[in-house]
Amino acid sequence: MKKWQEDLWAACAGSDPREMKIIMNGRQIGKSVMAQMWNQVQAGPVEEYCKIIDKAKVDTKQFYTIQCSRAIADWLRNQPGEDEQWYQHIDQNWVMDRTKFDIDEDLYLMLRLKWGC
């Protein structure tokens, strides 16, 4: 990032570094573009992770309950559901987390090979 860009962001920033003051009003003057730019600058690098929360045998097949990053979650959702290899995880309060899955051992192996986690 260039010095003038840092100065611009510093001038726009609020007291919290995750906030930005938008002092413009009106239509089609760049508010949305400024907000998108701010989100990209603040986003930082995306860390790919996957961790095992639990494991259990279901009908003689090993299943893992995992929590993973959004990129891995998107990849999992696009995997073919042959023989029901993955399920969106639902906890004991019937809450569905978009980054928790119950996956079988074969798909878990593919996940480890592709993402290295």
PDB file of N, CA and C in Angstrom:
ATOM      1  N   MET A   1       0.854  -1.171   0.000  1.00  0.00           N
ATOM      2  CA  MET A   1       0.000   0.000   0.000  1.00  0.00           C
ATOM      3  C   MET A   1       0.909   1.245   0.000  1.00  0.00           C
ATOM      4  N   LYS A   2       0.552   2.201  -0.827  1.00  0.00           N
ATOM      5  CA  LYS A   2       1.341   3.429  -0.944  1.00  0.00           C
ATOM      6  C   LYS A   2       1.040   4.371   0.222  1.00  0.00           C
ATOM      7  N   LYS A   3       1.946   5.316   0.443  1.00  0.00           N
ATOM      8  CA  LYS A   3       1.816   6.240   1.572  1.00  0.00           C
ATOM      9  C   LYS A   3       0.527   7.046   1.485  1.00  0.00           C
ATOM     10  N   TRP A   4       0.180   7.535   0.297  1.00  0.00           N
ATOM     11  CA  TRP A   4      -1.041   8.343   0.186  1.00  0.00           C
ATOM     12  C   TRP A   4      -2.280   7.507   0.484  1.00  0.00           C
ATOM     13  N   GLN A   5      -2.236   6.188   0.155  1.00  0.00           N
ATOM     14  CA  GLN A   5      -3.359   5.320   0.479  1.00  0.00           C
ATOM     15  C   GLN A   5      -3.477   5.122   1.989  1.00  0.00           C
ATOM     16  N   GLU A   6      -2.334   4.930   2.655  1.00  0.00           N
ATOM     17  CA  GLU A   6      -2.341   4.793   4.106  1.00  0.00           C
ATOM     18  C   GLU A   6      -2.882   6.058   4.766  1.00  0.00           C
ATOM     19  N   ASP A   7      -2.470   7.231   4.240  1.00  0.00           N
ATOM     20  CA  ASP A   7      -2.961   8.491   4.800  1.00  0.00           C
ATOM     21  C   ASP A   7      -4.462   8.642   4.591  1.00  0.00           C
ATOM     22  N   LEU A   8      -4.953   8.235   3.416  1.00  0.00           N
ATOM     23  CA  LEU A   8      -6.383   8.306   3.149  1.00  0.00           C
ATOM     24  C   LEU A   8      -7.159   7.419   4.110  1.00  0.00           C
ATOM     25  N   TRP A   9      -6.673   6.179   4.296  1.00  0.00           N
ATOM     26  CA  TRP A   9      -7.359   5.273   5.213  1.00  0.00           C
ATOM     27  C   TRP A   9      -7.289   5.787   6.643  1.00  0.00           C
ATOM     28  N   ALA A  10      -6.151   6.351   7.019  1.00  0.00           N
ATOM     29  CA  ALA A  10      -6.027   6.887   8.374  1.00  0.00           C
ATOM     30  C   ALA A  10      -6.986   8.062   8.580  1.00  0.00           C
ATOM     31  N   ALA A  11      -7.173   8.869   7.541  1.00  0.00           N
ATOM     32  CA  ALA A  11      -8.090  10.006   7.655  1.00  0.00           C
ATOM     33  C   ALA A  11      -9.544   9.540   7.716  1.00  0.00           C
ATOM     34  N   CYS A  12      -9.859   8.437   7.052  1.00  0.00           N
ATOM     35  CA  CYS A  12     -11.232   7.932   7.032  1.00  0.00           C
ATOM     36  C   CYS A  12     -11.561   7.076   8.251  1.00  0.00           C
ATOM     37  N   ALA A  13     -10.534   6.566   8.912  1.00  0.00           N
ATOM     38  CA  ALA A  13     -10.772   5.605   9.990  1.00  0.00           C
ATOM     39  C   ALA A  13     -11.382   6.272  11.208  1.00  0.00           C
ATOM     40  N   GLY A  14     -12.203   5.499  11.904  1.00  0.00           N
ATOM     41  CA  GLY A  14     -12.774   5.977  13.162  1.00  0.00           C
ATOM     42  C   GLY A  14     -11.827   5.646  14.299  1.00  0.00           C
ATOM     43  N   SER A  15     -12.345   5.616  15.506  1.00  0.00           N
ATOM     44  CA  SER A  15     -11.503   5.300  16.650  1.00  0.00           C
ATOM     45  C   SER A  15     -11.146   3.816  16.673  1.00  0.00           C
ATOM     46  N   ASP A  16     -11.989   2.985  16.124  1.00  0.00           N
ATOM     47  CA  ASP A  16     -11.725   1.560  16.022  1.00  0.00           C
ATOM     48  C   ASP A  16     -11.146   1.294  14.634  1.00  0.00           C
ATOM     49  N   PRO A  17     -10.002   0.578  14.527  1.00  0.00           N
ATOM     50  CA  PRO A  17      -9.412   0.371  13.197  1.00  0.00           C
ATOM     51  C   PRO A  17     -10.286  -0.435  12.249  1.00  0.00           C
ATOM     52  N   ARG A  18     -11.343  -1.121  12.773  1.00  0.00           N
ATOM     53  CA  ARG A  18     -12.243  -1.870  11.902  1.00  0.00           C
ATOM     54  C   ARG A  18     -13.411  -1.025  11.425  1.00  0.00           C
ATOM     55  N   GLU A  19     -13.470   0.230  11.818  1.00  0.00           N
ATOM     56  CA  GLU A  19     -14.568   1.098  11.422  1.00  0.00           C
ATOM     57  C   GLU A  19     -14.093   2.123  10.405  1.00  0.00           C
ATOM     58  N   MET A  20     -15.016   2.651   9.660  1.00  0.00           N
ATOM     59  CA  MET A  20     -14.706   3.707   8.713  1.00  0.00           C
ATOM     60  C   MET A  20     -15.843   4.707   8.743  1.00  0.00           C
ATOM     61  N   LYS A  21     -15.498   5.974   8.766  1.00  0.00           N
ATOM     62  CA  LYS A  21     -16.512   7.012   8.697  1.00  0.00           C
ATOM     63  C   LYS A  21     -16.820   7.276   7.232  1.00  0.00           C
ATOM     64  N   ILE A  22     -18.067   7.200   6.874  1.00  0.00           N
ATOM     65  CA  ILE A  22     -18.467   7.581   5.521  1.00  0.00           C
ATOM     66  C   ILE A  22     -19.187   8.907   5.667  1.00  0.00           C
ATOM     67  N   ILE A  23     -18.541   9.952   5.198  1.00  0.00           N
ATOM     68  CA  ILE A  23     -19.077  11.291   5.391  1.00  0.00           C
ATOM     69  C   ILE A  23     -19.742  11.826   4.138  1.00  0.00           C
ATOM     70  N   MET A  24     -19.908  10.963   3.142  1.00  0.00           N
ATOM     71  CA  MET A  24     -20.562  11.372   1.912  1.00  0.00           C
ATOM     72  C   MET A  24     -22.034  11.014   1.996  1.00  0.00           C
ATOM     73  N   ASN A  25     -22.848  11.714   1.259  1.00  0.00           N
ATOM     74  CA  ASN A  25     -24.240  11.308   1.104  1.00  0.00           C
ATOM     75  C   ASN A  25     -24.675  11.635  -0.309  1.00  0.00           C
ATOM     76  N   GLY A  26     -25.786  11.121  -0.667  1.00  0.00           N
ATOM     77  CA  GLY A  26     -26.253  11.292  -2.039  1.00  0.00           C
ATOM     78  C   GLY A  26     -26.209   9.979  -2.773  1.00  0.00           C
ATOM     79  N   ARG A  27     -26.545  10.038  -4.035  1.00  0.00           N
ATOM     80  CA  ARG A  27     -26.614   8.815  -4.827  1.00  0.00           C
ATOM     81  C   ARG A  27     -25.472   8.753  -5.822  1.00  0.00           C
ATOM     82  N   GLN A  28     -24.937   7.559  -5.981  1.00  0.00           N
ATOM     83  CA  GLN A  28     -23.903   7.260  -6.979  1.00  0.00           C
ATOM     84  C   GLN A  28     -22.681   8.168  -6.851  1.00  0.00           C
ATOM     85  N   ILE A  29     -22.168   8.274  -5.632  1.00  0.00           N
ATOM     86  CA  ILE A  29     -20.956   9.083  -5.453  1.00  0.00           C
ATOM     87  C   ILE A  29     -19.789   8.280  -4.902  1.00  0.00           C
ATOM     88  N   GLY A  30     -19.943   6.957  -4.799  1.00  0.00           N
ATOM     89  CA  GLY A  30     -18.810   6.109  -4.436  1.00  0.00           C
ATOM     90  C   GLY A  30     -18.813   5.564  -3.019  1.00  0.00           C
ATOM     91  N   LYS A  31     -19.902   5.692  -2.293  1.00  0.00           N
ATOM     92  CA  LYS A  31     -19.937   5.175  -0.925  1.00  0.00           C
ATOM     93  C   LYS A  31     -19.702   3.666  -0.911  1.00  0.00           C
ATOM     94  N   SER A  32     -20.382   2.959  -1.780  1.00  0.00           N
ATOM     95  CA  SER A  32     -20.255   1.501  -1.810  1.00  0.00           C
ATOM     96  C   SER A  32     -18.849   1.079  -2.214  1.00  0.00           C
ATOM     97  N   VAL A  33     -18.257   1.775  -3.159  1.00  0.00           N
ATOM     98  CA  VAL A  33     -16.897   1.457  -3.586  1.00  0.00           C
ATOM     99  C   VAL A  33     -15.925   1.656  -2.436  1.00  0.00           C
ATOM    100  N   MET A  34     -16.065   2.748  -1.700  1.00  0.00           N
ATOM    101  CA  MET A  34     -15.197   2.996  -0.547  1.00  0.00           C
ATOM    102  C   MET A  34     -15.369   1.897   0.502  1.00  0.00           C
ATOM    103  N   ALA A  35     -16.597   1.475   0.771  1.00  0.00           N
ATOM    104  CA  ALA A  35     -16.849   0.430   1.757  1.00  0.00           C
ATOM    105  C   ALA A  35     -16.233  -0.901   1.305  1.00  0.00           C
ATOM    106  N   GLN A  36     -16.349  -1.230   0.008  1.00  0.00           N
ATOM    107  CA  GLN A  36     -15.756  -2.462  -0.505  1.00  0.00           C
ATOM    108  C   GLN A  36     -14.237  -2.424  -0.408  1.00  0.00           C
ATOM    109  N   MET A  37     -13.648  -1.288  -0.743  1.00  0.00           N
ATOM    110  CA  MET A  37     -12.196  -1.150  -0.639  1.00  0.00           C
ATOM    111  C   MET A  37     -11.756  -1.330   0.812  1.00  0.00           C
ATOM    112  N   TRP A  38     -12.476  -0.741   1.730  1.00  0.00           N
ATOM    113  CA  TRP A  38     -12.144  -0.837   3.151  1.00  0.00           C
ATOM    114  C   TRP A  38     -12.206  -2.298   3.608  1.00  0.00           C
ATOM    115  N   ASN A  39     -13.233  -3.018   3.201  1.00  0.00           N
ATOM    116  CA  ASN A  39     -13.361  -4.420   3.591  1.00  0.00           C
ATOM    117  C   ASN A  39     -12.222  -5.264   3.037  1.00  0.00           C
ATOM    118  N   GLN A  40     -11.761  -4.970   1.818  1.00  0.00           N
ATOM    119  CA  GLN A  40     -10.647  -5.717   1.244  1.00  0.00           C
ATOM    120  C   GLN A  40      -9.358  -5.438   1.985  1.00  0.00           C
ATOM    121  N   VAL A  41      -9.132  -4.179   2.370  1.00  0.00           N
ATOM    122  CA  VAL A  41      -7.915  -3.830   3.095  1.00  0.00           C
ATOM    123  C   VAL A  41      -7.916  -4.480   4.471  1.00  0.00           C
ATOM    124  N   GLN A  42      -9.054  -4.478   5.151  1.00  0.00           N
ATOM    125  CA  GLN A  42      -9.136  -5.010   6.503  1.00  0.00           C
ATOM    126  C   GLN A  42      -9.218  -6.533   6.553  1.00  0.00           C
ATOM    127  N   ALA A  43      -9.540  -7.172   5.434  1.00  0.00           N
ATOM    128  CA  ALA A  43      -9.755  -8.617   5.448  1.00  0.00           C
ATOM    129  C   ALA A  43      -8.494  -9.394   5.798  1.00  0.00           C
ATOM    130  N   GLY A  44      -7.359  -9.003   5.267  1.00  0.00           N
ATOM    131  CA  GLY A  44      -6.129  -9.729   5.524  1.00  0.00           C
ATOM    132  C   GLY A  44      -6.127 -11.083   4.836  1.00  0.00           C
ATOM    133  N   PRO A  45      -5.077 -11.857   5.053  1.00  0.00           N
ATOM    134  CA  PRO A  45      -5.011 -13.164   4.410  1.00  0.00           C
ATOM    135  C   PRO A  45      -6.018 -14.133   5.027  1.00  0.00           C
ATOM    136  N   VAL A  46      -6.554 -15.004   4.200  1.00  0.00           N
ATOM    137  CA  VAL A  46      -7.517 -15.997   4.665  1.00  0.00           C
ATOM    138  C   VAL A  46      -6.748 -17.252   5.037  1.00  0.00           C
ATOM    139  N   GLU A  47      -6.943 -17.706   6.252  1.00  0.00           N
ATOM    140  CA  GLU A  47      -6.258 -18.903   6.709  1.00  0.00           C
ATOM    141  C   GLU A  47      -7.148 -20.113   6.440  1.00  0.00           C
ATOM    142  N   GLU A  48      -6.586 -21.104   5.785  1.00  0.00           N
ATOM    143  CA  GLU A  48      -7.327 -22.334   5.528  1.00  0.00           C
ATOM    144  C   GLU A  48      -7.071 -23.279   6.693  1.00  0.00           C
ATOM    145  N   TYR A  49      -8.121 -23.741   7.317  1.00  0.00           N
ATOM    146  CA  TYR A  49      -7.959 -24.639   8.444  1.00  0.00           C
ATOM    147  C   TYR A  49      -9.052 -25.685   8.438  1.00  0.00           C
ATOM    148  N   CYS A  50      -8.775 -26.768   9.098  1.00  0.00           N
ATOM    149  CA  CYS A  50      -9.739 -27.843   9.255  1.00  0.00           C
ATOM    150  C   CYS A  50      -9.328 -28.614  10.498  1.00  0.00           C
ATOM    151  N   LYS A  51     -10.244 -28.744  11.448  1.00  0.00           N
ATOM    152  CA  LYS A  51      -9.902 -29.496  12.653  1.00  0.00           C
ATOM    153  C   LYS A  51     -11.013 -30.493  12.976  1.00  0.00           C
ATOM    154  N   ILE A  52     -10.604 -31.618  13.526  1.00  0.00           N
ATOM    155  CA  ILE A  52     -11.550 -32.663  13.906  1.00  0.00           C
ATOM    156  C   ILE A  52     -12.128 -32.318  15.272  1.00  0.00           C
ATOM    157  N   ILE A  53     -13.451 -32.307  15.350  1.00  0.00           N
ATOM    158  CA  ILE A  53     -14.125 -32.053  16.619  1.00  0.00           C
ATOM    159  C   ILE A  53     -14.486 -33.374  17.296  1.00  0.00           C
ATOM    160  N   ASP A  54     -14.918 -34.343  16.488  1.00  0.00           N
ATOM    161  CA  ASP A  54     -15.339 -35.630  17.036  1.00  0.00           C
ATOM    162  C   ASP A  54     -15.247 -36.681  15.938  1.00  0.00           C
ATOM    163  N   LYS A  55     -15.236 -37.929  16.324  1.00  0.00           N
ATOM    164  CA  LYS A  55     -15.285 -39.012  15.339  1.00  0.00           C
ATOM    165  C   LYS A  55     -16.093 -40.166  15.928  1.00  0.00           C
ATOM    166  N   ALA A  56     -16.755 -40.904  15.037  1.00  0.00           N
ATOM    167  CA  ALA A  56     -17.591 -42.022  15.468  1.00  0.00           C
ATOM    168  C   ALA A  56     -17.831 -42.957  14.294  1.00  0.00           C
ATOM    169  N   LYS A  57     -18.137 -44.223  14.612  1.00  0.00           N
ATOM    170  CA  LYS A  57     -18.496 -45.197  13.586  1.00  0.00           C
ATOM    171  C   LYS A  57     -20.000 -45.174  13.405  1.00  0.00           C
ATOM    172  N   VAL A  58     -20.439 -45.082  12.151  1.00  0.00           N
ATOM    173  CA  VAL A  58     -21.858 -45.106  11.810  1.00  0.00           C
ATOM    174  C   VAL A  58     -22.052 -46.197  10.770  1.00  0.00           C
ATOM    175  N   ASP A  59     -22.792 -47.234  11.136  1.00  0.00           N
ATOM    176  CA  ASP A  59     -23.017 -48.368  10.232  1.00  0.00           C
ATOM    177  C   ASP A  59     -21.700 -48.902   9.677  1.00  0.00           C
ATOM    178  N   THR A  60     -20.763 -49.128  10.526  1.00  0.00           N
ATOM    179  CA  THR A  60     -19.421 -49.660  10.237  1.00  0.00           C
ATOM    180  C   THR A  60     -18.542 -48.715   9.412  1.00  0.00           C
ATOM    181  N   LYS A  61     -18.972 -47.485   9.155  1.00  0.00           N
ATOM    182  CA  LYS A  61     -18.138 -46.512   8.446  1.00  0.00           C
ATOM    183  C   LYS A  61     -17.668 -45.454   9.434  1.00  0.00           C
ATOM    184  N   GLN A  62     -16.413 -45.066   9.325  1.00  0.00           N
ATOM    185  CA  GLN A  62     -15.859 -44.023  10.193  1.00  0.00           C
ATOM    186  C   GLN A  62     -16.298 -42.648   9.673  1.00  0.00           C
ATOM    187  N   PHE A  63     -16.876 -41.835  10.549  1.00  0.00           N
ATOM    188  CA  PHE A  63     -17.253 -40.467  10.223  1.00  0.00           C
ATOM    189  C   PHE A  63     -16.525 -39.512  11.144  1.00  0.00           C
ATOM    190  N   TYR A  64     -16.202 -38.332  10.615  1.00  0.00           N
ATOM    191  CA  TYR A  64     -15.547 -37.280  11.386  1.00  0.00           C
ATOM    192  C   TYR A  64     -16.444 -36.052  11.405  1.00  0.00           C
ATOM    193  N   THR A  65     -16.533 -35.411  12.558  1.00  0.00           N
ATOM    194  CA  THR A  65     -17.176 -34.106  12.639  1.00  0.00           C
ATOM    195  C   THR A  65     -16.047 -33.094  12.607  1.00  0.00           C
ATOM    196  N   ILE A  66     -16.062 -32.228  11.601  1.00  0.00           N
ATOM    197  CA  ILE A  66     -14.974 -31.261  11.432  1.00  0.00           C
ATOM    198  C   ILE A  66     -15.515 -29.838  11.424  1.00  0.00           C
ATOM    199  N   GLN A  67     -14.646 -28.912  11.773  1.00  0.00           N
ATOM    200  CA  GLN A  67     -14.914 -27.490  11.576  1.00  0.00           C
ATOM    201  C   GLN A  67     -13.826 -26.986  10.636  1.00  0.00           C
ATOM    202  N   CYS A  68     -14.227 -26.179   9.645  1.00  0.00           N
ATOM    203  CA  CYS A  68     -13.269 -25.780   8.630  1.00  0.00           C
ATOM    204  C   CYS A  68     -13.503 -24.332   8.197  1.00  0.00           C
ATOM    205  N   SER A  69     -12.580 -23.839   7.376  1.00  0.00           N
ATOM    206  CA  SER A  69     -12.709 -22.481   6.840  1.00  0.00           C
ATOM    207  C   SER A  69     -13.800 -22.442   5.774  1.00  0.00           C
ATOM    208  N   ARG A  70     -14.179 -21.246   5.369  1.00  0.00           N
ATOM    209  CA  ARG A  70     -15.249 -21.099   4.368  1.00  0.00           C
ATOM    210  C   ARG A  70     -14.869 -21.694   3.018  1.00  0.00           C
ATOM    211  N   ALA A  71     -13.603 -21.539   2.627  1.00  0.00           N
ATOM    212  CA  ALA A  71     -13.171 -22.078   1.333  1.00  0.00           C
ATOM    213  C   ALA A  71     -13.286 -23.595   1.317  1.00  0.00           C
ATOM    214  N   ILE A  72     -12.881 -24.229   2.395  1.00  0.00           N
ATOM    215  CA  ILE A  72     -12.990 -25.683   2.477  1.00  0.00           C
ATOM    216  C   ILE A  72     -14.456 -26.094   2.544  1.00  0.00           C
ATOM    217  N   ALA A  73     -15.275 -25.332   3.265  1.00  0.00           N
ATOM    218  CA  ALA A  73     -16.710 -25.626   3.349  1.00  0.00           C
ATOM    219  C   ALA A  73     -17.355 -25.552   1.967  1.00  0.00           C
ATOM    220  N   ASP A  74     -16.994 -24.546   1.175  1.00  0.00           N
ATOM    221  CA  ASP A  74     -17.529 -24.444  -0.187  1.00  0.00           C
ATOM    222  C   ASP A  74     -17.096 -25.638  -1.031  1.00  0.00           C
ATOM    223  N   TRP A  75     -15.833 -26.046  -0.877  1.00  0.00           N
ATOM    224  CA  TRP A  75     -15.335 -27.205  -1.612  1.00  0.00           C
ATOM    225  C   TRP A  75     -16.119 -28.462  -1.220  1.00  0.00           C
ATOM    226  N   LEU A  76     -16.359 -28.638   0.081  1.00  0.00           N
ATOM    227  CA  LEU A  76     -17.108 -29.810   0.541  1.00  0.00           C
ATOM    228  C   LEU A  76     -18.522 -29.847  -0.020  1.00  0.00           C
ATOM    229  N   ARG A  77     -19.182 -28.696  -0.048  1.00  0.00           N
ATOM    230  CA  ARG A  77     -20.557 -28.646  -0.560  1.00  0.00           C
ATOM    231  C   ARG A  77     -20.640 -29.015  -2.036  1.00  0.00           C
ATOM    232  N   ASN A  78     -19.556 -28.838  -2.772  1.00  0.00           N
ATOM    233  CA  ASN A  78     -19.537 -29.153  -4.203  1.00  0.00           C
ATOM    234  C   ASN A  78     -19.105 -30.582  -4.497  1.00  0.00           C
ATOM    235  N   GLN A  79     -18.823 -31.361  -3.454  1.00  0.00           N
ATOM    236  CA  GLN A  79     -18.449 -32.759  -3.657  1.00  0.00           C
ATOM    237  C   GLN A  79     -19.704 -33.583  -3.913  1.00  0.00           C
ATOM    238  N   PRO A  80     -19.592 -34.570  -4.776  1.00  0.00           N
ATOM    239  CA  PRO A  80     -20.780 -35.398  -5.049  1.00  0.00           C
ATOM    240  C   PRO A  80     -21.196 -36.129  -3.778  1.00  0.00           C
ATOM    241  N   GLY A  81     -22.494 -36.246  -3.589  1.00  0.00           N
ATOM    242  CA  GLY A  81     -23.029 -36.889  -2.396  1.00  0.00           C
ATOM    243  C   GLY A  81     -23.225 -38.382  -2.564  1.00  0.00           C
ATOM    244  N   GLU A  82     -22.353 -39.049  -3.310  1.00  0.00           N
ATOM    245  CA  GLU A  82     -22.475 -40.483  -3.525  1.00  0.00           C
ATOM    246  C   GLU A  82     -22.346 -41.201  -2.185  1.00  0.00           C
ATOM    247  N   ASP A  83     -23.251 -42.104  -1.937  1.00  0.00           N
ATOM    248  CA  ASP A  83     -23.250 -42.888  -0.688  1.00  0.00           C
ATOM    249  C   ASP A  83     -23.275 -41.988   0.533  1.00  0.00           C
ATOM    250  N   GLU A  84     -23.820 -40.800   0.371  1.00  0.00           N
ATOM    251  CA  GLU A  84     -23.957 -39.868   1.505  1.00  0.00           C
ATOM    252  C   GLU A  84     -22.626 -39.686   2.247  1.00  0.00           C
ATOM    253  N   GLN A  85     -21.647 -39.082   1.566  1.00  0.00           N
ATOM    254  CA  GLN A  85     -20.318 -38.906   2.139  1.00  0.00           C
ATOM    255  C   GLN A  85     -20.217 -37.726   3.102  1.00  0.00           C
ATOM    256  N   TRP A  86     -21.116 -36.759   2.994  1.00  0.00           N
ATOM    257  CA  TRP A  86     -21.036 -35.627   3.914  1.00  0.00           C
ATOM    258  C   TRP A  86     -22.432 -35.132   4.263  1.00  0.00           C
ATOM    259  N   TYR A  87     -22.531 -34.554   5.456  1.00  0.00           N
ATOM    260  CA  TYR A  87     -23.770 -33.964   5.948  1.00  0.00           C
ATOM    261  C   TYR A  87     -23.420 -32.652   6.633  1.00  0.00           C
ATOM    262  N   GLN A  88     -24.288 -31.682   6.525  1.00  0.00           N
ATOM    263  CA  GLN A  88     -24.132 -30.453   7.295  1.00  0.00           C
ATOM    264  C   GLN A  88     -24.366 -30.821   8.764  1.00  0.00           C
ATOM    265  N   HIS A  89     -23.483 -30.415   9.657  1.00  0.00           N
ATOM    266  CA  HIS A  89     -23.581 -30.814  11.064  1.00  0.00           C
ATOM    267  C   HIS A  89     -24.688 -30.037  11.775  1.00  0.00           C
ATOM    268  N   ILE A  90     -25.486 -30.738  12.560  1.00  0.00           N
ATOM    269  CA  ILE A  90     -26.527 -30.123  13.382  1.00  0.00           C
ATOM    270  C   ILE A  90     -26.211 -30.487  14.826  1.00  0.00           C
ATOM    271  N   ASP A  91     -26.085 -29.466  15.713  1.00  0.00           N
ATOM    272  CA  ASP A  91     -25.719 -29.756  17.098  1.00  0.00           C
ATOM    273  C   ASP A  91     -26.932 -30.139  17.944  1.00  0.00           C
ATOM    274  N   GLN A  92     -26.698 -30.345  19.243  1.00  0.00           N
ATOM    275  CA  GLN A  92     -27.775 -30.811  20.122  1.00  0.00           C
ATOM    276  C   GLN A  92     -28.889 -29.787  20.293  1.00  0.00           C
ATOM    277  N   ASN A  93     -28.668 -28.514  19.964  1.00  0.00           N
ATOM    278  CA  ASN A  93     -29.710 -27.488  20.023  1.00  0.00           C
ATOM    279  C   ASN A  93     -30.370 -27.258  18.669  1.00  0.00           C
ATOM    280  N   TRP A  94     -30.139 -28.155  17.728  1.00  0.00           N
ATOM    281  CA  TRP A  94     -30.684 -28.080  16.375  1.00  0.00           C
ATOM    282  C   TRP A  94     -30.214 -26.831  15.624  1.00  0.00           C
ATOM    283  N   VAL A  95     -28.977 -26.445  15.886  1.00  0.00           N
ATOM    284  CA  VAL A  95     -28.378 -25.298  15.200  1.00  0.00           C
ATOM    285  C   VAL A  95     -27.429 -25.835  14.138  1.00  0.00           C
ATOM    286  N   MET A  96     -27.548 -25.294  12.939  1.00  0.00           N
ATOM    287  CA  MET A  96     -26.698 -25.714  11.833  1.00  0.00           C
ATOM    288  C   MET A  96     -25.618 -24.658  11.605  1.00  0.00           C
ATOM    289  N   ASP A  97     -24.367 -25.066  11.744  1.00  0.00           N
ATOM    290  CA  ASP A  97     -23.223 -24.186  11.506  1.00  0.00           C
ATOM    291  C   ASP A  97     -22.745 -24.420  10.079  1.00  0.00           C
ATOM    292  N   ARG A  98     -22.546 -23.347   9.322  1.00  0.00           N
ATOM    293  CA  ARG A  98     -22.175 -23.494   7.907  1.00  0.00           C
ATOM    294  C   ARG A  98     -20.738 -23.964   7.708  1.00  0.00           C
ATOM    295  N   THR A  99     -19.947 -24.048   8.774  1.00  0.00           N
ATOM    296  CA  THR A  99     -18.568 -24.508   8.635  1.00  0.00           C
ATOM    297  C   THR A  99     -18.313 -25.804   9.399  1.00  0.00           C
ATOM    298  N   LYS A 100     -19.372 -26.491   9.825  1.00  0.00           N
ATOM    299  CA  LYS A 100     -19.217 -27.783  10.498  1.00  0.00           C
ATOM    300  C   LYS A 100     -19.887 -28.857   9.650  1.00  0.00           C
ATOM    301  N   PHE A 101     -19.182 -29.977   9.490  1.00  0.00           N
ATOM    302  CA  PHE A 101     -19.663 -31.063   8.652  1.00  0.00           C
ATOM    303  C   PHE A 101     -19.404 -32.401   9.319  1.00  0.00           C
ATOM    304  N   ASP A 102     -20.232 -33.373   8.985  1.00  0.00           N
ATOM    305  CA  ASP A 102     -19.989 -34.771   9.299  1.00  0.00           C
ATOM    306  C   ASP A 102     -19.621 -35.431   7.979  1.00  0.00           C
ATOM    307  N   ILE A 103     -18.376 -35.900   7.886  1.00  0.00           N
ATOM    308  CA  ILE A 103     -17.894 -36.464   6.618  1.00  0.00           C
ATOM    309  C   ILE A 103     -17.327 -37.853   6.864  1.00  0.00           C
ATOM    310  N   ASP A 104     -17.392 -38.697   5.829  1.00  0.00           N
ATOM    311  CA  ASP A 104     -16.860 -40.049   5.988  1.00  0.00           C
ATOM    312  C   ASP A 104     -15.348 -40.047   5.788  1.00  0.00           C
ATOM    313  N   GLU A 105     -14.752 -41.190   6.102  1.00  0.00           N
ATOM    314  CA  GLU A 105     -13.296 -41.296   6.116  1.00  0.00           C
ATOM    315  C   GLU A 105     -12.678 -41.056   4.739  1.00  0.00           C
ATOM    316  N   ASP A 106     -13.323 -41.541   3.679  1.00  0.00           N
ATOM    317  CA  ASP A 106     -12.783 -41.365   2.325  1.00  0.00           C
ATOM    318  C   ASP A 106     -12.735 -39.889   1.932  1.00  0.00           C
ATOM    319  N   LEU A 107     -13.816 -39.173   2.201  1.00  0.00           N
ATOM    320  CA  LEU A 107     -13.839 -37.752   1.871  1.00  0.00           C
ATOM    321  C   LEU A 107     -12.874 -36.972   2.753  1.00  0.00           C
ATOM    322  N   TYR A 108     -12.737 -37.386   4.004  1.00  0.00           N
ATOM    323  CA  TYR A 108     -11.767 -36.734   4.895  1.00  0.00           C
ATOM    324  C   TYR A 108     -10.342 -36.903   4.361  1.00  0.00           C
ATOM    325  N   LEU A 109     -10.055 -38.082   3.836  1.00  0.00           N
ATOM    326  CA  LEU A 109      -8.732 -38.333   3.242  1.00  0.00           C
ATOM    327  C   LEU A 109      -8.516 -37.404   2.044  1.00  0.00           C
ATOM    328  N   MET A 110      -9.536 -37.250   1.178  1.00  0.00           N
ATOM    329  CA  MET A 110      -9.417 -36.351   0.028  1.00  0.00           C
ATOM    330  C   MET A 110      -9.216 -34.901   0.484  1.00  0.00           C
ATOM    331  N   LEU A 111      -9.927 -34.513   1.531  1.00  0.00           N
ATOM    332  CA  LEU A 111      -9.782 -33.165   2.080  1.00  0.00           C
ATOM    333  C   LEU A 111      -8.350 -32.935   2.560  1.00  0.00           C
ATOM    334  N   ARG A 112      -7.791 -33.930   3.269  1.00  0.00           N
ATOM    335  CA  ARG A 112      -6.419 -33.804   3.767  1.00  0.00           C
ATOM    336  C   ARG A 112      -5.416 -33.718   2.617  1.00  0.00           C
ATOM    337  N   LEU A 113      -5.649 -34.492   1.566  1.00  0.00           N
ATOM    338  CA  LEU A 113      -4.735 -34.464   0.419  1.00  0.00           C
ATOM    339  C   LEU A 113      -4.807 -33.144  -0.339  1.00  0.00           C
ATOM    340  N   LYS A 114      -6.018 -32.628  -0.516  1.00  0.00           N
ATOM    341  CA  LYS A 114      -6.181 -31.385  -1.283  1.00  0.00           C
ATOM    342  C   LYS A 114      -5.752 -30.153  -0.494  1.00  0.00           C
ATOM    343  N   TRP A 115      -6.174 -30.035   0.757  1.00  0.00           N
ATOM    344  CA  TRP A 115      -5.949 -28.819   1.531  1.00  0.00           C
ATOM    345  C   TRP A 115      -4.769 -28.909   2.492  1.00  0.00           C
ATOM    346  N   GLY A 116      -4.268 -30.110   2.742  1.00  0.00           N
ATOM    347  CA  GLY A 116      -3.093 -30.258   3.598  1.00  0.00           C
ATOM    348  C   GLY A 116      -3.334 -29.873   5.054  1.00  0.00           C
ATOM    349  N   CYS A 117      -4.537 -30.046   5.521  1.00  0.00           N
ATOM    350  CA  CYS A 117      -4.779 -29.701   6.934  1.00  0.00           C
ATOM    351  C   CYS A 117      -5.217 -30.916   7.724  1.00  0.00           C
TER     352      CYS A 117
END
